[in-house]
Protein backbone atom coordinates (compact mmCIF):
# COMPACT_ATOMS: atom_id res chain seq x y z
CA MET A 1 0.24 -0.63 0.17
CA ALA A 2 2.74 2.36 0.20
CA TYR A 3 4.34 2.45 -3.15
CA ILE A 4 0.29 3.31 -4.57
CA PRO A 5 0.97 6.80 -4.77
CA VAL A 6 -2.98 7.79 -3.34
CA ALA A 7 -3.74 4.82 -0.95
CA ASN A 8 0.00 5.62 0.36
CA LEU A 9 -2.04 9.08 1.92
CA PHE A 10 -3.76 6.61 3.89
CA LEU A 11 -1.19 5.02 5.38
CA MET A 12 0.68 8.45 6.44
CA PHE A 13 -2.76 8.78 7.92
CA ARG A 14 -3.59 6.41 9.56
CA VAL A 15 -0.07 6.48 11.55
CA GLY A 16 0.63 10.44 11.76
CA LYS A 17 -3.27 9.20 13.64
CA LYS A 18 -4.97 12.43 11.31
CA PRO A 19 -8.34 12.45 9.89
CA LEU A 20 -9.03 10.43 7.15
CA TRP A 21 -10.74 13.18 5.17
CA TRP A 22 -7.37 15.32 5.14
CA ILE A 23 -6.41 13.38 1.85
CA LEU A 24 -9.07 15.55 0.45
CA LEU A 25 -6.58 18.59 1.16
CA MET A 26 -3.62 17.26 -0.45
CA PHE A 27 -5.16 18.14 -3.51
CA ILE A 28 -5.03 21.72 -3.32
CA PRO A 29 -1.66 23.68 -3.81
CA LEU A 30 -0.62 25.16 -0.79
CA VAL A 31 -2.10 23.68 1.65
CA ASN A 32 -1.22 20.50 1.16
CA LEU A 33 2.37 21.31 1.83
CA ILE A 34 1.05 22.91 5.50
CA PHE A 35 -0.43 19.22 5.63
CA ILE A 36 1.90 16.80 4.62
CA VAL A 37 4.61 18.63 7.10
CA LEU A 38 1.74 18.62 9.95
CA THR A 39 1.27 15.08 9.32
CA TRP A 40 4.89 14.39 9.22
CA MET A 41 5.09 16.00 12.73
CA GLY A 42 2.10 13.18 13.05
CA ILE A 43 4.50 10.00 12.08
CA ALA A 44 8.11 10.75 14.69
CA LYS A 45 5.89 12.54 17.46
CA ASN A 46 4.13 8.16 17.08
CA ARG A 47 7.22 6.90 16.50
CA GLY A 48 9.34 8.63 19.60
CA LYS A 49 11.04 11.75 17.90
CA SER A 50 10.26 14.81 18.48
CA ALA A 51 7.34 16.63 15.93
CA TRP A 52 10.07 18.89 14.79
CA VAL A 53 11.85 16.48 12.87
CA GLY A 54 8.75 16.29 10.95
CA VAL A 55 8.96 19.89 9.25
CA LEU A 56 12.34 18.69 7.74
CA VAL A 57 10.03 17.49 5.48
CA LEU A 58 10.91 20.79 3.85
CA ILE A 59 14.47 21.14 3.73
CA PRO A 60 14.52 19.64 -0.71
CA LEU A 61 17.52 16.81 0.08
CA VAL A 62 17.06 16.10 3.87
CA ASN A 63 13.60 14.78 3.09
CA LEU A 64 14.56 11.67 0.83
CA ALA A 65 16.52 10.28 4.07
CA LEU A 66 13.88 11.18 6.25
CA PRO A 67 11.34 8.31 6.56
CA ALA A 68 14.80 6.23 6.68
CA TYR A 69 15.60 7.96 9.64
CA ILE A 70 11.50 7.71 11.36
CA ALA A 71 11.50 4.34 10.69
CA PHE A 72 14.90 2.39 11.83
CA SER A 73 16.57 4.50 14.25
CA GLU A 74 15.03 4.50 17.93
């Protein structure tokens, strides 16, 4: 499910414990940036990291390594 373009949003919102109706907001330009950061902040918080780690998704090269950092670090 993580590799299907729209279905991965369901998985991300479930892991980040965000409401599923936010998926509709992901299709609005510039609004989606706010909600993707909030989602990554929720995912980081649920994995035991600081919520501010989710803001790093906005930095271009850091966002490539961010999922691996959140998933594999303790």
